[in-house]
């Protein structure tokens, strides 16, 4: 998850809030929470749709 935080420049608390709200999926392996690569494209698509809906 550290890499994801670095690439997206989002705080840990923002990422966890997105996970709690169901906007961002994750999986847990032991004590580690992972965000699969496929989820990143889904999340970007969600953001794009929201941006388009906001501009329409």
Protein backbone atom coordinates (compact mmCIF):
# COMPACT_ATOMS: atom_id res chain seq x y z
CA UNK A 1 0.00 0.00 0.00
CA UNK A 2 2.97 2.31 0.58
CA UNK A 3 3.71 2.34 -3.16
CA UNK A 4 0.10 3.20 -3.93
CA UNK A 5 0.24 6.10 -1.47
CA UNK A 6 3.39 7.41 -3.11
CA UNK A 7 2.12 7.14 -6.69
CA UNK A 8 -1.23 8.79 -5.97
CA UNK A 9 0.02 11.29 -3.36
CA UNK A 10 -2.88 10.38 -1.07
CA UNK A 11 -2.65 10.14 2.68
CA UNK A 12 -3.11 6.83 4.44
CA UNK A 13 -6.27 8.11 6.10
CA UNK A 14 -7.81 9.07 2.72
CA UNK A 15 -7.05 5.61 1.33
CA UNK A 16 -8.59 3.87 4.35
CA UNK A 17 -11.67 6.12 4.15
CA UNK A 18 -12.11 5.18 0.49
CA UNK A 19 -11.82 1.50 1.46
CA UNK A 20 -14.34 1.88 4.32
CA UNK A 21 -16.83 3.68 2.07
CA UNK A 22 -16.59 0.93 -0.56
CA UNK A 23 -15.17 3.19 -3.26
CA UNK A 24 -11.83 1.36 -3.22
CA UNK A 25 -11.54 -2.42 -2.90
CA UNK A 26 -8.70 -4.13 -1.10
CA UNK A 27 -7.69 -7.58 0.08
CA UNK A 28 -6.00 -8.57 3.29
CA UNK A 29 -3.16 -11.06 3.52
CA UNK A 30 -2.26 -11.64 7.13
CA UNK A 31 -1.90 -8.16 8.63
CA UNK A 32 -1.17 -6.53 5.28
CA UNK A 33 -3.85 -4.74 3.26
CA UNK A 34 -3.26 -4.93 -0.49
CA UNK A 35 -4.86 -3.01 -3.35
CA UNK A 36 -4.79 -5.15 -6.50
CA UNK A 37 -3.62 -3.47 -9.72
CA UNK A 38 -6.98 -4.16 -11.37
CA UNK A 39 -8.68 -2.09 -8.68
CA UNK A 40 -6.60 0.96 -9.56
CA UNK A 41 -8.07 1.15 -13.07
CA UNK A 42 -11.58 0.65 -11.64
CA UNK A 43 -11.02 3.49 -9.17
CA UNK A 44 -9.71 5.81 -11.88
CA UNK A 45 -12.79 4.97 -13.98
CA UNK A 46 -15.01 5.85 -11.03
CA UNK A 47 -13.26 9.20 -10.63
CA UNK A 48 -13.59 9.92 -14.36
CA UNK A 49 -17.32 9.12 -14.33
CA UNK A 50 -17.83 11.37 -11.31
CA UNK A 51 -15.92 14.18 -13.00
CA UNK A 52 -18.05 13.84 -16.15
CA UNK A 53 -21.27 13.78 -14.14
CA UNK A 54 -20.16 16.89 -12.29
CA UNK A 55 -19.42 18.76 -15.53
CA UNK A 56 -22.64 17.80 -17.33
